[in-house]
PDB file of all heavy atoms in Angstrom:
ATOM      1  N   PHE A   1     102.489 106.530 109.147  1.00  0.00           N
ATOM      2  CA  PHE A   1     103.026 105.507 109.838  1.00  0.00           C
ATOM      3  C   PHE A   1     102.389 104.248 109.230  1.00  0.00           C
ATOM      4  O   PHE A   1     101.252 104.009 109.424  1.00  0.00           O
ATOM      5  CB  PHE A   1     102.704 105.635 111.467  1.00  0.00           C
ATOM      6  CG  PHE A   1     103.187 104.445 112.304  1.00  0.00           C
ATOM      7  CD1 PHE A   1     104.261 103.759 111.956  1.00  0.00           C
ATOM      8  CD2 PHE A   1     102.472 103.969 113.420  1.00  0.00           C
ATOM      9  CE1 PHE A   1     104.841 102.721 112.756  1.00  0.00           C
ATOM     10  CE2 PHE A   1     102.993 103.068 114.186  1.00  0.00           C
ATOM     11  CZ  PHE A   1     104.125 102.358 113.886  1.00  0.00           C
ATOM     12  N   ALA A   2     103.287 103.412 108.592  1.00  0.00           N
ATOM     13  CA  ALA A   2     102.762 102.291 107.910  1.00  0.00           C
ATOM     14  C   ALA A   2     103.600 101.026 108.246  1.00  0.00           C
ATOM     15  O   ALA A   2     104.811 101.057 108.164  1.00  0.00           O
ATOM     16  CB  ALA A   2     103.025 102.480 106.312  1.00  0.00           C
ATOM     17  N   MET A   3     102.857 100.013 108.780  1.00  0.00           N
ATOM     18  CA  MET A   3     103.668  98.899 109.246  1.00  0.00           C
ATOM     19  C   MET A   3     102.647  97.625 109.142  1.00  0.00           C
ATOM     20  O   MET A   3     101.418  97.834 109.169  1.00  0.00           O
ATOM     21  CB  MET A   3     103.985  99.031 110.708  1.00  0.00           C
ATOM     22  CG  MET A   3     105.079 100.044 111.061  1.00  0.00           C
ATOM     23  SD  MET A   3     106.631  99.630 110.556  1.00  0.00           S
ATOM     24  CE  MET A   3     107.118  98.239 111.773  1.00  0.00           C
ATOM     25  N   ASN A   4     103.149  96.352 109.191  1.00  0.00           N
ATOM     26  CA  ASN A   4     102.440  95.246 109.462  1.00  0.00           C
ATOM     27  C   ASN A   4     102.055  95.126 110.889  1.00  0.00           C
ATOM     28  O   ASN A   4     102.810  95.608 111.801  1.00  0.00           O
ATOM     29  CB  ASN A   4     103.194  94.105 109.094  1.00  0.00           C
ATOM     30  CG  ASN A   4     103.480  94.006 107.522  1.00  0.00           C
ATOM     31  OD1 ASN A   4     102.567  93.975 106.762  1.00  0.00           O
ATOM     32  ND2 ASN A   4     104.833  93.882 107.219  1.00  0.00           N
ATOM     33  N   MET A   5     100.825  94.625 111.116  1.00  0.00           N
ATOM     34  CA  MET A   5     100.361  94.472 112.545  1.00  0.00           C
ATOM     35  C   MET A   5      99.632  93.107 112.682  1.00  0.00           C
ATOM     36  O   MET A   5      98.825  92.782 111.763  1.00  0.00           O
ATOM     37  CB  MET A   5      99.464  95.540 112.988  1.00  0.00           C
ATOM     38  CG  MET A   5      98.902  95.656 114.326  1.00  0.00           C
ATOM     39  SD  MET A   5      97.752  97.003 114.683  1.00  0.00           S
ATOM     40  CE  MET A   5      96.308  96.442 114.020  1.00  0.00           C
ATOM     41  N   SER A   6      99.746  92.469 113.861  1.00  0.00           N
ATOM     42  CA  SER A   6      98.964  91.212 114.146  1.00  0.00           C
ATOM     43  C   SER A   6      97.662  91.729 114.510  1.00  0.00           C
ATOM     44  O   SER A   6      97.396  92.903 114.899  1.00  0.00           O
ATOM     45  CB  SER A   6      99.624  90.408 115.321  1.00  0.00           C
ATOM     46  OG  SER A   6      99.541  91.282 116.418  1.00  0.00           O
ATOM     47  N   VAL A   7      96.579  90.830 114.485  1.00  0.00           N
ATOM     48  CA  VAL A   7      95.221  91.213 114.930  1.00  0.00           C
ATOM     49  C   VAL A   7      95.144  91.671 116.309  1.00  0.00           C
ATOM     50  O   VAL A   7      94.402  92.640 116.689  1.00  0.00           O
ATOM     51  CB  VAL A   7      94.290  89.911 114.774  1.00  0.00           C
ATOM     52  CG1 VAL A   7      93.027  90.117 115.395  1.00  0.00           C
ATOM     53  CG2 VAL A   7      94.042  89.693 113.162  1.00  0.00           C
ATOM     54  N   ASP A   8      96.108  91.181 117.207  1.00  0.00           N
ATOM     55  CA  ASP A   8      96.135  91.652 118.615  1.00  0.00           C
ATOM     56  C   ASP A   8      97.005  92.919 118.877  1.00  0.00           C
ATOM     57  O   ASP A   8      97.325  93.298 119.887  1.00  0.00           O
ATOM     58  CB  ASP A   8      96.458  90.674 119.548  1.00  0.00           C
ATOM     59  CG  ASP A   8      97.804  89.846 119.301  1.00  0.00           C
ATOM     60  OD1 ASP A   8      98.305  89.960 118.195  1.00  0.00           O
ATOM     61  OD2 ASP A   8      98.117  89.050 120.173  1.00  0.00           O
ATOM     62  N   GLY A   9      97.377  93.567 117.716  1.00  0.00           N
ATOM     63  CA  GLY A   9      98.004  94.844 117.843  1.00  0.00           C
ATOM     64  C   GLY A   9      99.457  95.028 117.910  1.00  0.00           C
ATOM     65  O   GLY A   9     100.120  96.059 118.250  1.00  0.00           O
ATOM     66  N   TYR A  10     100.331  94.022 117.459  1.00  0.00           N
ATOM     67  CA  TYR A  10     101.774  94.115 117.664  1.00  0.00           C
ATOM     68  C   TYR A  10     102.348  94.182 116.206  1.00  0.00           C
ATOM     69  O   TYR A  10     101.917  93.422 115.280  1.00  0.00           O
ATOM     70  CB  TYR A  10     102.247  92.887 118.400  1.00  0.00           C
ATOM     71  CG  TYR A  10     101.674  92.932 119.726  1.00  0.00           C
ATOM     72  CD1 TYR A  10     100.550  92.043 120.155  1.00  0.00           C
ATOM     73  CD2 TYR A  10     102.213  93.597 120.836  1.00  0.00           C
ATOM     74  CE1 TYR A  10     100.050  92.139 121.469  1.00  0.00           C
ATOM     75  CE2 TYR A  10     101.851  93.607 122.124  1.00  0.00           C
ATOM     76  CZ  TYR A  10     100.701  92.933 122.266  1.00  0.00           C
ATOM     77  OH  TYR A  10     100.184  92.989 123.698  1.00  0.00           O
ATOM     78  N   ILE A  11     103.550  94.803 116.230  1.00  0.00           N
ATOM     79  CA  ILE A  11     104.226  94.806 114.959  1.00  0.00           C
ATOM     80  C   ILE A  11     105.461  93.852 115.018  1.00  0.00           C
ATOM     81  O   ILE A  11     106.033  93.571 114.012  1.00  0.00           O
ATOM     82  CB  ILE A  11     104.855  96.203 114.611  1.00  0.00           C
ATOM     83  CG1 ILE A  11     105.701  96.868 115.772  1.00  0.00           C
ATOM     84  CG2 ILE A  11     103.643  97.287 114.423  1.00  0.00           C
ATOM     85  CD1 ILE A  11     106.422  98.194 115.444  1.00  0.00           C
ATOM     86  N   ALA A  12     105.725  93.360 116.121  1.00  0.00           N
ATOM     87  CA  ALA A  12     106.768  92.318 116.395  1.00  0.00           C
ATOM     88  C   ALA A  12     106.263  91.386 117.559  1.00  0.00           C
ATOM     89  O   ALA A  12     105.834  91.965 118.516  1.00  0.00           O
ATOM     90  CB  ALA A  12     108.225  92.898 116.576  1.00  0.00           C
ATOM     91  N   ALA A  13     106.512  90.164 117.431  1.00  0.00           N
ATOM     92  CA  ALA A  13     106.205  89.156 118.494  1.00  0.00           C
ATOM     93  C   ALA A  13     107.314  89.271 119.509  1.00  0.00           C
ATOM     94  O   ALA A  13     108.288  89.879 119.235  1.00  0.00           O
ATOM     95  CB  ALA A  13     105.969  87.778 117.956  1.00  0.00           C
ATOM     96  N   PRO A  14     107.226  88.716 120.626  1.00  0.00           N
ATOM     97  CA  PRO A  14     108.223  88.642 121.609  1.00  0.00           C
ATOM     98  C   PRO A  14     109.652  88.139 120.999  1.00  0.00           C
ATOM     99  O   PRO A  14     109.603  87.324 119.971  1.00  0.00           O
ATOM    100  CB  PRO A  14     107.780  87.509 122.677  1.00  0.00           C
ATOM    101  CG  PRO A  14     106.312  87.707 122.564  1.00  0.00           C
ATOM    102  CD  PRO A  14     105.896  87.941 121.154  1.00  0.00           C
ATOM    103  N   GLY A  15     110.693  88.753 121.426  1.00  0.00           N
ATOM    104  CA  GLY A  15     111.932  88.420 120.790  1.00  0.00           C
ATOM    105  C   GLY A  15     112.176  89.113 119.410  1.00  0.00           C
ATOM    106  O   GLY A  15     112.979  88.713 118.714  1.00  0.00           O
ATOM    107  N   ASP A  16     111.358  90.067 119.185  1.00  0.00           N
ATOM    108  CA  ASP A  16     111.345  90.810 117.888  1.00  0.00           C
ATOM    109  C   ASP A  16     111.116  89.896 116.640  1.00  0.00           C
ATOM    110  O   ASP A  16     111.656  90.143 115.551  1.00  0.00           O
ATOM    111  CB  ASP A  16     112.723  91.614 117.598  1.00  0.00           C
ATOM    112  CG  ASP A  16     112.828  92.771 118.595  1.00  0.00           C
ATOM    113  OD1 ASP A  16     111.831  93.391 119.082  1.00  0.00           O
ATOM    114  OD2 ASP A  16     113.934  93.020 119.082  1.00  0.00           O
ATOM    115  N   ASP A  17     110.371  88.828 116.885  1.00  0.00           N
ATOM    116  CA  ASP A  17     110.038  87.859 115.869  1.00  0.00           C
ATOM    117  C   ASP A  17     109.208  88.378 114.865  1.00  0.00           C
ATOM    118  O   ASP A  17     108.000  88.895 115.246  1.00  0.00           O
ATOM    119  CB  ASP A  17     109.440  86.550 116.444  1.00  0.00           C
ATOM    120  CG  ASP A  17     109.096  85.496 115.501  1.00  0.00           C
ATOM    121  OD1 ASP A  17     109.334  85.688 114.279  1.00  0.00           O
ATOM    122  OD2 ASP A  17     108.806  84.374 116.018  1.00  0.00           O
ATOM    123  N   LEU A  18     109.487  88.515 113.656  1.00  0.00           N
ATOM    124  CA  LEU A  18     108.674  89.005 112.519  1.00  0.00           C
ATOM    125  C   LEU A  18     108.224  87.939 111.585  1.00  0.00           C
ATOM    126  O   LEU A  18     107.661  88.180 110.547  1.00  0.00           O
ATOM    127  CB  LEU A  18     109.417  90.051 111.671  1.00  0.00           C
ATOM    128  CG  LEU A  18     109.945  91.229 112.457  1.00  0.00           C
ATOM    129  CD1 LEU A  18     110.715  92.248 111.552  1.00  0.00           C
ATOM    130  CD2 LEU A  18     108.704  92.013 112.936  1.00  0.00           C
ATOM    131  N   GLY A  19     108.489  86.615 112.036  1.00  0.00           N
ATOM    132  CA  GLY A  19     108.203  85.578 111.072  1.00  0.00           C
ATOM    133  C   GLY A  19     106.753  85.422 110.693  1.00  0.00           C
ATOM    134  O   GLY A  19     106.312  84.787 109.625  1.00  0.00           O
ATOM    135  N   TRP A  20     105.872  85.885 111.431  1.00  0.00           N
ATOM    136  CA  TRP A  20     104.335  85.888 111.084  1.00  0.00           C
ATOM    137  C   TRP A  20     104.006  86.838 110.078  1.00  0.00           C
ATOM    138  O   TRP A  20     102.892  86.759 109.507  1.00  0.00           O
ATOM    139  CB  TRP A  20     103.584  86.211 112.444  1.00  0.00           C
ATOM    140  CG  TRP A  20     103.989  87.557 112.997  1.00  0.00           C
ATOM    141  CD1 TRP A  20     104.956  87.702 113.985  1.00  0.00           C
ATOM    142  CD2 TRP A  20     103.521  88.764 112.725  1.00  0.00           C
ATOM    143  NE1 TRP A  20     104.993  89.097 114.162  1.00  0.00           N
ATOM    144  CE2 TRP A  20     104.111  89.740 113.489  1.00  0.00           C
ATOM    145  CE3 TRP A  20     102.515  89.215 111.784  1.00  0.00           C
ATOM    146  CZ2 TRP A  20     103.765  91.154 113.414  1.00  0.00           C
ATOM    147  CZ3 TRP A  20     102.127  90.652 111.845  1.00  0.00           C
ATOM    148  CH2 TRP A  20     102.826  91.551 112.577  1.00  0.00           C
ATOM    149  N   SER A  21     104.782  87.909 109.700  1.00  0.00           N
ATOM    150  CA  SER A  21     104.482  89.011 108.885  1.00  0.00           C
ATOM    151  C   SER A  21     104.919  88.791 107.366  1.00  0.00           C
ATOM    152  O   SER A  21     105.060  89.857 106.790  1.00  0.00           O
ATOM    153  CB  SER A  21     104.949  90.311 109.441  1.00  0.00           C
ATOM    154  OG  SER A  21     106.411  90.352 109.453  1.00  0.00           O
ATOM    155  N   VAL A  22     105.163  87.595 106.981  1.00  0.00           N
ATOM    156  CA  VAL A  22     105.709  87.351 105.621  1.00  0.00           C
ATOM    157  C   VAL A  22     104.481  87.687 104.667  1.00  0.00           C
ATOM    158  O   VAL A  22     103.447  87.276 104.795  1.00  0.00           O
ATOM    159  CB  VAL A  22     106.151  85.901 105.336  1.00  0.00           C
ATOM    160  CG1 VAL A  22     106.519  85.629 103.969  1.00  0.00           C
ATOM    161  CG2 VAL A  22     107.310  85.598 106.380  1.00  0.00           C
ATOM    162  N   PRO A  23     104.839  88.676 103.688  1.00  0.00           N
ATOM    163  CA  PRO A  23     103.703  89.146 102.874  1.00  0.00           C
ATOM    164  C   PRO A  23     103.480  88.167 101.589  1.00  0.00           C
ATOM    165  O   PRO A  23     104.444  87.446 101.215  1.00  0.00           O
ATOM    166  CB  PRO A  23     104.266  90.444 102.291  1.00  0.00           C
ATOM    167  CG  PRO A  23     105.816  90.277 102.248  1.00  0.00           C
ATOM    168  CD  PRO A  23     106.099  89.419 103.456  1.00  0.00           C
ATOM    169  N   SER A  24     102.311  88.193 101.118  1.00  0.00           N
ATOM    170  CA  SER A  24     102.021  87.503  99.845  1.00  0.00           C
ATOM    171  C   SER A  24     102.703  88.355  98.762  1.00  0.00           C
ATOM    172  O   SER A  24     103.167  89.548  99.015  1.00  0.00           O
ATOM    173  CB  SER A  24     100.426  87.595  99.571  1.00  0.00           C
ATOM    174  OG  SER A  24     100.029  88.973  99.433  1.00  0.00           O
ATOM    175  N   ASP A  25     102.760  87.821  97.594  1.00  0.00           N
ATOM    176  CA  ASP A  25     103.344  88.509  96.445  1.00  0.00           C
ATOM    177  C   ASP A  25     102.738  89.775  96.122  1.00  0.00           C
ATOM    178  O   ASP A  25     103.394  90.954  95.853  1.00  0.00           O
ATOM    179  CB  ASP A  25     103.321  87.736  95.148  1.00  0.00           C
ATOM    180  CG  ASP A  25     104.299  86.478  95.194  1.00  0.00           C
ATOM    181  OD1 ASP A  25     105.099  86.490  96.121  1.00  0.00           O
ATOM    182  OD2 ASP A  25     104.091  85.605  94.317  1.00  0.00           O
ATOM    183  N   GLU A  26     101.371  89.861  96.285  1.00  0.00           N
ATOM    184  CA  GLU A  26     100.606  91.126  96.009  1.00  0.00           C
ATOM    185  C   GLU A  26     100.871  92.164  97.082  1.00  0.00           C
ATOM    186  O   GLU A  26     101.016  93.439  96.769  1.00  0.00           O
ATOM    187  CB  GLU A  26      99.119  90.701  95.899  1.00  0.00           C
ATOM    188  CG  GLU A  26      98.146  91.839  95.558  1.00  0.00           C
ATOM    189  CD  GLU A  26      96.772  91.540  95.470  1.00  0.00           C
ATOM    190  OE1 GLU A  26      96.431  90.424  95.242  1.00  0.00           O
ATOM    191  OE2 GLU A  26      95.885  92.354  95.692  1.00  0.00           O
ATOM    192  N   LEU A  27     100.947  91.731  98.362  1.00  0.00           N
ATOM    193  CA  LEU A  27     101.297  92.689  99.428  1.00  0.00           C
ATOM    194  C   LEU A  27     102.704  93.107  99.246  1.00  0.00           C
ATOM    195  O   LEU A  27     102.946  94.362  99.513  1.00  0.00           O
ATOM    196  CB  LEU A  27     101.007  91.965 100.708  1.00  0.00           C
ATOM    197  CG  LEU A  27     101.317  92.824 101.904  1.00  0.00           C
ATOM    198  CD1 LEU A  27     100.628  94.187 101.913  1.00  0.00           C
ATOM    199  CD2 LEU A  27     101.079  92.028 103.257  1.00  0.00           C
ATOM    200  N   PHE A  28     103.679  92.318  99.002  1.00  0.00           N
ATOM    201  CA  PHE A  28     104.954  92.749  98.834  1.00  0.00           C
ATOM    202  C   PHE A  28     105.045  93.794  97.724  1.00  0.00           C
ATOM    203  O   PHE A  28     105.860  94.776  97.955  1.00  0.00           O
ATOM    204  CB  PHE A  28     105.889  91.562  98.462  1.00  0.00           C
ATOM    205  CG  PHE A  28     107.352  91.907  98.353  1.00  0.00           C
ATOM    206  CD1 PHE A  28     108.066  92.027  99.567  1.00  0.00           C
ATOM    207  CD2 PHE A  28     107.951  92.054  97.137  1.00  0.00           C
ATOM    208  CE1 PHE A  28     109.367  92.335  99.564  1.00  0.00           C
ATOM    209  CE2 PHE A  28     109.239  92.427  97.210  1.00  0.00           C
ATOM    210  CZ  PHE A  28     110.003  92.637  98.403  1.00  0.00           C
ATOM    211  N   GLN A  29     104.327  93.594  96.562  1.00  0.00           N
ATOM    212  CA  GLN A  29     104.323  94.618  95.493  1.00  0.00           C
ATOM    213  C   GLN A  29     103.748  96.004  96.029  1.00  0.00           C
ATOM    214  O   GLN A  29     104.302  97.008  95.716  1.00  0.00           O
ATOM    215  CB  GLN A  29     103.569  94.215  94.326  1.00  0.00           C
ATOM    216  CG  GLN A  29     103.628  95.034  93.060  1.00  0.00           C
ATOM    217  CD  GLN A  29     105.088  95.216  92.567  1.00  0.00           C
ATOM    218  OE1 GLN A  29     105.757  94.223  92.374  1.00  0.00           O
ATOM    219  NE2 GLN A  29     105.671  96.435  92.605  1.00  0.00           N
ATOM    220  N   TRP A  30     102.779  95.913  96.894  1.00  0.00           N
ATOM    221  CA  TRP A  30     102.121  97.096  97.429  1.00  0.00           C
ATOM    222  C   TRP A  30     103.085  97.788  98.274  1.00  0.00           C
ATOM    223  O   TRP A  30     103.286  99.017  98.174  1.00  0.00           O
ATOM    224  CB  TRP A  30     100.797  96.766  98.347  1.00  0.00           C
ATOM    225  CG  TRP A  30     100.294  97.966  98.872  1.00  0.00           C
ATOM    226  CD1 TRP A  30      99.340  98.812  98.466  1.00  0.00           C
ATOM    227  CD2 TRP A  30     100.519  98.433 100.242  1.00  0.00           C
ATOM    228  NE1 TRP A  30      98.958  99.824  99.294  1.00  0.00           N
ATOM    229  CE2 TRP A  30      99.707  99.611 100.329  1.00  0.00           C
ATOM    230  CE3 TRP A  30     101.382  98.081 101.300  1.00  0.00           C
ATOM    231  CZ2 TRP A  30      99.638 100.365 101.555  1.00  0.00           C
ATOM    232  CZ3 TRP A  30     101.308  98.872 102.451  1.00  0.00           C
ATOM    233  CH2 TRP A  30     100.449  99.970 102.618  1.00  0.00           C
ATOM    234  N   TRP A  31     103.904  97.099  99.148  1.00  0.00           N
ATOM    235  CA  TRP A  31     105.043  97.745  99.898  1.00  0.00           C
ATOM    236  C   TRP A  31     106.014  98.219  99.043  1.00  0.00           C
ATOM    237  O   TRP A  31     106.591  99.290  99.208  1.00  0.00           O
ATOM    238  CB  TRP A  31     105.666  96.711 100.952  1.00  0.00           C
ATOM    239  CG  TRP A  31     104.738  96.457 102.106  1.00  0.00           C
ATOM    240  CD1 TRP A  31     104.208  95.234 102.493  1.00  0.00           C
ATOM    241  CD2 TRP A  31     104.505  97.371 103.139  1.00  0.00           C
ATOM    242  NE1 TRP A  31     103.504  95.417 103.717  1.00  0.00           N
ATOM    243  CE2 TRP A  31     103.788  96.728 104.196  1.00  0.00           C
ATOM    244  CE3 TRP A  31     104.899  98.766 103.518  1.00  0.00           C
ATOM    245  CZ2 TRP A  31     103.356  97.258 105.335  1.00  0.00           C
ATOM    246  CZ3 TRP A  31     104.404  99.244 104.551  1.00  0.00           C
ATOM    247  CH2 TRP A  31     103.626  98.628 105.505  1.00  0.00           C
ATOM    248  N   SER A  32     106.481  97.628  97.991  1.00  0.00           N
ATOM    249  CA  SER A  32     107.487  98.072  97.128  1.00  0.00           C
ATOM    250  C   SER A  32     107.111  99.393  96.336  1.00  0.00           C
ATOM    251  O   SER A  32     107.662 100.348  96.195  1.00  0.00           O
ATOM    252  CB  SER A  32     107.764  97.041  96.033  1.00  0.00           C
ATOM    253  OG  SER A  32     108.836  97.483  95.181  1.00  0.00           O
ATOM    254  N   ASP A  33     105.651  99.428  95.819  1.00  0.00           N
ATOM    255  CA  ASP A  33     105.197 100.664  95.254  1.00  0.00           C
ATOM    256  C   ASP A  33     105.255 101.777  96.338  1.00  0.00           C
ATOM    257  O   ASP A  33     105.353 102.888  95.915  1.00  0.00           O
ATOM    258  CB  ASP A  33     103.938 100.360  94.635  1.00  0.00           C
ATOM    259  CG  ASP A  33     103.873  99.313  93.447  1.00  0.00           C
ATOM    260  OD1 ASP A  33     104.967  99.242  92.889  1.00  0.00           O
ATOM    261  OD2 ASP A  33     102.788  98.818  93.121  1.00  0.00           O
ATOM    262  N   ARG A  34     104.841 101.515  97.444  1.00  0.00           N
ATOM    263  CA  ARG A  34     104.884 102.510  98.634  1.00  0.00           C
ATOM    264  C   ARG A  34     106.255 103.045  98.713  1.00  0.00           C
ATOM    265  O   ARG A  34     106.408 104.325  98.894  1.00  0.00           O
ATOM    266  CB  ARG A  34     104.434 101.899  99.798  1.00  0.00           C
ATOM    267  CG  ARG A  34     104.278 102.847 100.998  1.00  0.00           C
ATOM    268  CD  ARG A  34     103.400 102.281 102.095  1.00  0.00           C
ATOM    269  NE  ARG A  34     103.234 103.476 102.937  1.00  0.00           N
ATOM    270  CZ  ARG A  34     102.414 104.347 102.711  1.00  0.00           C
ATOM    271  NH1 ARG A  34     101.486 104.347 101.800  1.00  0.00           N
ATOM    272  NH2 ARG A  34     102.337 105.403 103.625  1.00  0.00           N
ATOM    273  N   VAL A  35     107.359 102.252  98.677  1.00  0.00           N
ATOM    274  CA  VAL A  35     108.582 102.741  98.872  1.00  0.00           C
ATOM    275  C   VAL A  35     109.068 103.615  97.734  1.00  0.00           C
ATOM    276  O   VAL A  35     109.563 104.702  97.857  1.00  0.00           O
ATOM    277  CB  VAL A  35     109.630 101.518  98.967  1.00  0.00           C
ATOM    278  CG1 VAL A  35     111.081 102.017  98.755  1.00  0.00           C
ATOM    279  CG2 VAL A  35     109.496 100.854 100.375  1.00  0.00           C
ATOM    280  N   ASP A  36     108.566 103.242  96.493  1.00  0.00           N
ATOM    281  CA  ASP A  36     108.831 104.023  95.323  1.00  0.00           C
ATOM    282  C   ASP A  36     108.154 105.389  95.341  1.00  0.00           C
ATOM    283  O   ASP A  36     108.734 106.356  94.800  1.00  0.00           O
ATOM    284  CB  ASP A  36     108.351 103.194  94.019  1.00  0.00           C
ATOM    285  CG  ASP A  36     108.826 103.747  92.759  1.00  0.00           C
ATOM    286  OD1 ASP A  36     110.038 104.059  92.730  1.00  0.00           O
ATOM    287  OD2 ASP A  36     108.087 103.921  91.831  1.00  0.00           O
ATOM    288  N   GLY A  37     106.993 105.446  96.038  1.00  0.00           N
ATOM    289  CA  GLY A  37     106.327 106.723  96.220  1.00  0.00           C
ATOM    290  C   GLY A  37     106.694 107.583  97.296  1.00  0.00           C
ATOM    291  O   GLY A  37     106.114 108.694  97.591  1.00  0.00           O
ATOM    292  N   THR A  38     107.623 107.112  98.172  1.00  0.00           N
ATOM    293  CA  THR A  38     107.902 107.793  99.454  1.00  0.00           C
ATOM    294  C   THR A  38     109.115 108.752  99.166  1.00  0.00           C
ATOM    295  O   THR A  38     110.127 108.430  98.602  1.00  0.00           O
ATOM    296  CB  THR A  38     108.443 106.865 100.485  1.00  0.00           C
ATOM    297  OG1 THR A  38     107.261 105.973 100.815  1.00  0.00           O
ATOM    298  CG2 THR A  38     108.815 107.432 101.791  1.00  0.00           C
ATOM    299  N   GLY A  39     108.859 110.074  99.608  1.00  0.00           N
ATOM    300  CA  GLY A  39     109.880 111.086  99.367  1.00  0.00           C
ATOM    301  C   GLY A  39     111.013 111.014 100.336  1.00  0.00           C
ATOM    302  O   GLY A  39     112.157 111.230 100.085  1.00  0.00           O
ATOM    303  N   LEU A  40     110.694 110.528 101.563  1.00  0.00           N
ATOM    304  CA  LEU A  40     111.730 110.324 102.664  1.00  0.00           C
ATOM    305  C   LEU A  40     111.112 109.293 103.671  1.00  0.00           C
ATOM    306  O   LEU A  40     109.983 109.521 104.182  1.00  0.00           O
ATOM    307  CB  LEU A  40     111.923 111.745 103.432  1.00  0.00           C
ATOM    308  CG  LEU A  40     112.963 111.823 104.419  1.00  0.00           C
ATOM    309  CD1 LEU A  40     114.314 111.506 103.938  1.00  0.00           C
ATOM    310  CD2 LEU A  40     112.866 113.173 105.195  1.00  0.00           C
ATOM    311  N   ALA A  41     112.058 108.395 104.052  1.00  0.00           N
ATOM    312  CA  ALA A  41     111.636 107.473 105.094  1.00  0.00           C
ATOM    313  C   ALA A  41     112.338 107.700 106.367  1.00  0.00           C
ATOM    314  O   ALA A  41     113.587 107.921 106.311  1.00  0.00           O
ATOM    315  CB  ALA A  41     111.970 105.973 104.614  1.00  0.00           C
ATOM    316  N   LEU A  42     111.644 107.719 107.496  1.00  0.00           N
ATOM    317  CA  LEU A  42     112.216 107.961 108.709  1.00  0.00           C
ATOM    318  C   LEU A  42     112.221 106.666 109.571  1.00  0.00           C
ATOM    319  O   LEU A  42     111.179 106.001 109.660  1.00  0.00           O
ATOM    320  CB  LEU A  42     111.384 109.012 109.536  1.00  0.00           C
ATOM    321  CG  LEU A  42     111.031 110.304 108.776  1.00  0.00           C
ATOM    322  CD1 LEU A  42     110.109 111.188 109.575  1.00  0.00           C
ATOM    323  CD2 LEU A  42     112.192 110.969 108.371  1.00  0.00           C
ATOM    324  N   TYR A  43     113.469 106.275 110.014  1.00  0.00           N
ATOM    325  CA  TYR A  43     113.644 105.005 110.738  1.00  0.00           C
ATOM    326  C   TYR A  43     114.134 105.262 112.094  1.00  0.00           C
ATOM    327  O   TYR A  43     115.079 106.036 112.350  1.00  0.00           O
ATOM    328  CB  TYR A  43     114.619 104.232 109.976  1.00  0.00           C
ATOM    329  CG  TYR A  43     114.201 103.579 108.777  1.00  0.00           C
ATOM    330  CD1 TYR A  43     114.548 103.993 107.499  1.00  0.00           C
ATOM    331  CD2 TYR A  43     113.394 102.405 108.750  1.00  0.00           C
ATOM    332  CE1 TYR A  43     114.155 103.421 106.309  1.00  0.00           C
ATOM    333  CE2 TYR A  43     113.008 101.776 107.555  1.00  0.00           C
ATOM    334  CZ  TYR A  43     113.387 102.346 106.353  1.00  0.00           C
ATOM    335  OH  TYR A  43     113.005 101.707 105.163  1.00  0.00           O
TER     336      TYR A  43
END
């Protein structure tokens, strides 16, 4: 289970707002490499 999380433990703010979770370029590359190494994603 891999997700972004706020310090207070949320993956989305009220109203499903994800504006706080914009990644840096380095973090975005980490997520991209993770997708590349995933055999199957469950959504």
